[in-house]
Amino acid sequence: MNDLDTKTWFSHQVEEHTDSLYGYAFRLTRNRADAEDLVAESVTKAWSAIESLKDKSLFRSWLLRILHNSYVSQYRKKKIRPVELSY
């Protein structure tokens, strides 16, 4: 598959699964803006790692796993960071 075919296939798959991505992201974050950011970050990560997807029939679960791992990473970073107070 050439790059144009891969891009077309990828964008079609993302479009097909957008509702489930946003739904899962919203359940994790409980915030619309954070869910949108999480989905955008996950799609970007997925595109950069598309070569690692061996079985294209597993795209949805692969992308949801990337989304989940991104959320966990963000949560851990926030937990470690000290609380910032403004005076």
C-alpha atoms as a PDB file:
ATOM      1  CA  MET A   1       0.000   0.000   0.000  1.00  0.00           C
ATOM      2  CA  ASN A   2       1.403   3.415  -0.894  1.00  0.00           C
ATOM      3  CA  ASP A   3       1.270   6.502   1.319  1.00  0.00           C
ATOM      4  CA  LEU A   4      -1.842   7.950  -0.324  1.00  0.00           C
ATOM      5  CA  ASP A   5      -3.745   4.679   0.092  1.00  0.00           C
ATOM      6  CA  THR A   6      -2.613   4.424   3.721  1.00  0.00           C
ATOM      7  CA  LYS A   7      -3.668   8.015   4.474  1.00  0.00           C
ATOM      8  CA  THR A   8      -7.051   7.477   2.854  1.00  0.00           C
ATOM      9  CA  TRP A   9      -7.612   4.204   4.705  1.00  0.00           C
ATOM     10  CA  PHE A  10      -6.473   5.722   8.018  1.00  0.00           C
ATOM     11  CA  SER A  11      -8.682   8.812   7.731  1.00  0.00           C
ATOM     12  CA  HIS A  12     -11.667   6.632   6.790  1.00  0.00           C
ATOM     13  CA  GLN A  13     -11.086   4.393   9.815  1.00  0.00           C
ATOM     14  CA  VAL A  14     -10.709   7.350  12.183  1.00  0.00           C
ATOM     15  CA  GLU A  15     -13.886   8.899  10.812  1.00  0.00           C
ATOM     16  CA  GLU A  16     -15.730   5.603  11.234  1.00  0.00           C
ATOM     17  CA  HIS A  17     -14.689   5.281  14.893  1.00  0.00           C
ATOM     18  CA  THR A  18     -14.826   8.939  15.957  1.00  0.00           C
ATOM     19  CA  ASP A  19     -17.982   8.524  18.055  1.00  0.00           C
ATOM     20  CA  SER A  20     -16.581   5.633  20.088  1.00  0.00           C
ATOM     21  CA  LEU A  21     -13.256   7.467  20.524  1.00  0.00           C
ATOM     22  CA  TYR A  22     -14.938  10.606  21.866  1.00  0.00           C
ATOM     23  CA  GLY A  23     -17.303   8.592  24.027  1.00  0.00           C
ATOM     24  CA  TYR A  24     -14.478   6.667  25.655  1.00  0.00           C
ATOM     25  CA  ALA A  25     -12.320   9.785  26.023  1.00  0.00           C
ATOM     26  CA  PHE A  26     -15.203  11.662  27.663  1.00  0.00           C
ATOM     27  CA  ARG A  27     -15.819   8.802  30.109  1.00  0.00           C
ATOM     28  CA  LEU A  28     -12.159   8.937  31.072  1.00  0.00           C
ATOM     29  CA  THR A  29     -11.758  12.721  31.336  1.00  0.00           C
ATOM     30  CA  ARG A  30     -15.293  13.851  32.259  1.00  0.00           C
ATOM     31  CA  ASN A  31     -14.574  17.040  30.305  1.00  0.00           C
ATOM     32  CA  ARG A  32     -15.442  17.790  26.663  1.00  0.00           C
ATOM     33  CA  ALA A  33     -12.353  19.883  25.886  1.00  0.00           C
ATOM     34  CA  ASP A  34     -10.008  17.377  27.520  1.00  0.00           C
ATOM     35  CA  ALA A  35     -11.706  14.537  25.630  1.00  0.00           C
ATOM     36  CA  GLU A  36     -11.243  16.372  22.323  1.00  0.00           C
ATOM     37  CA  ASP A  37      -7.560  16.968  23.113  1.00  0.00           C
ATOM     38  CA  LEU A  38      -7.098  13.329  24.098  1.00  0.00           C
ATOM     39  CA  VAL A  39      -8.676  12.085  20.870  1.00  0.00           C
ATOM     40  CA  ALA A  40      -6.551  14.448  18.776  1.00  0.00           C
ATOM     41  CA  GLU A  41      -3.382  13.365  20.561  1.00  0.00           C
ATOM     42  CA  SER A  42      -4.286   9.690  20.178  1.00  0.00           C
ATOM     43  CA  VAL A  43      -4.999   9.986  16.457  1.00  0.00           C
ATOM     44  CA  THR A  44      -1.681  11.784  15.971  1.00  0.00           C
ATOM     45  CA  LYS A  45       0.164   9.058  17.874  1.00  0.00           C
ATOM     46  CA  ALA A  46      -1.659   6.367  15.912  1.00  0.00           C
ATOM     47  CA  TRP A  47      -0.714   7.940  12.582  1.00  0.00           C
ATOM     48  CA  SER A  48       2.938   8.123  13.579  1.00  0.00           C
ATOM     49  CA  ALA A  49       2.848   4.441  14.610  1.00  0.00           C
ATOM     50  CA  ILE A  50       0.701   3.104  11.750  1.00  0.00           C
ATOM     51  CA  GLU A  51       3.500   0.757  10.657  1.00  0.00           C
ATOM     52  CA  SER A  52       3.153  -1.128  13.951  1.00  0.00           C
ATOM     53  CA  LEU A  53      -0.446  -2.112  13.161  1.00  0.00           C
ATOM     54  CA  LYS A  54      -0.061  -5.645  11.820  1.00  0.00           C
ATOM     55  CA  ASP A  55      -3.725  -6.631  11.493  1.00  0.00           C
ATOM     56  CA  LYS A  56      -5.881  -3.852  10.070  1.00  0.00           C
ATOM     57  CA  SER A  57      -9.037  -5.544  11.328  1.00  0.00           C
ATOM     58  CA  LEU A  58      -7.895  -4.636  14.857  1.00  0.00           C
ATOM     59  CA  PHE A  59      -7.681  -0.897  14.125  1.00  0.00           C
ATOM     60  CA  ARG A  60     -10.442   0.160  16.532  1.00  0.00           C
ATOM     61  CA  SER A  61      -9.061  -1.728  19.514  1.00  0.00           C
ATOM     62  CA  TRP A  62      -5.520  -0.592  18.638  1.00  0.00           C
ATOM     63  CA  LEU A  63      -6.616   3.046  18.546  1.00  0.00           C
ATOM     64  CA  LEU A  64      -8.618   2.742  21.772  1.00  0.00           C
ATOM     65  CA  ARG A  65      -5.548   1.237  23.463  1.00  0.00           C
ATOM     66  CA  ILE A  66      -3.456   4.203  22.306  1.00  0.00           C
ATOM     67  CA  LEU A  67      -6.127   6.558  23.672  1.00  0.00           C
ATOM     68  CA  HIS A  68      -6.214   4.725  27.005  1.00  0.00           C
ATOM     69  CA  ASN A  69      -2.426   4.701  27.330  1.00  0.00           C
ATOM     70  CA  SER A  70      -2.277   8.413  26.489  1.00  0.00           C
ATOM     71  CA  TYR A  71      -4.828   9.149  29.205  1.00  0.00           C
ATOM     72  CA  VAL A  72      -2.900   7.116  31.780  1.00  0.00           C
ATOM     73  CA  SER A  73       0.332   8.918  30.858  1.00  0.00           C
ATOM     74  CA  GLN A  74      -1.334  12.319  31.223  1.00  0.00           C
ATOM     75  CA  TYR A  75      -2.889  11.302  34.549  1.00  0.00           C
ATOM     76  CA  ARG A  76       0.456  10.153  35.924  1.00  0.00           C
ATOM     77  CA  LYS A  77       2.158  13.384  34.830  1.00  0.00           C
ATOM     78  CA  LYS A  78      -0.520  15.464  36.557  1.00  0.00           C
ATOM     79  CA  LYS A  79      -0.280  13.364  39.700  1.00  0.00           C
ATOM     80  CA  ILE A  80       3.499  13.827  39.950  1.00  0.00           C
ATOM     81  CA  ARG A  81       3.466  17.546  39.185  1.00  0.00           C
ATOM     82  CA  PRO A  82       3.196  19.712  42.302  1.00  0.00           C
ATOM     83  CA  VAL A  83       0.136  21.893  42.663  1.00  0.00           C
ATOM     84  CA  GLU A  84       0.727  25.354  41.234  1.00  0.00           C
ATOM     85  CA  LEU A  85      -0.654  28.177  43.333  1.00  0.00           C
ATOM     86  CA  SER A  86      -1.091  31.692  42.066  1.00  0.00           C
ATOM     87  CA  TYR A  87      -0.869  34.624  44.433  1.00  0.00           C
END
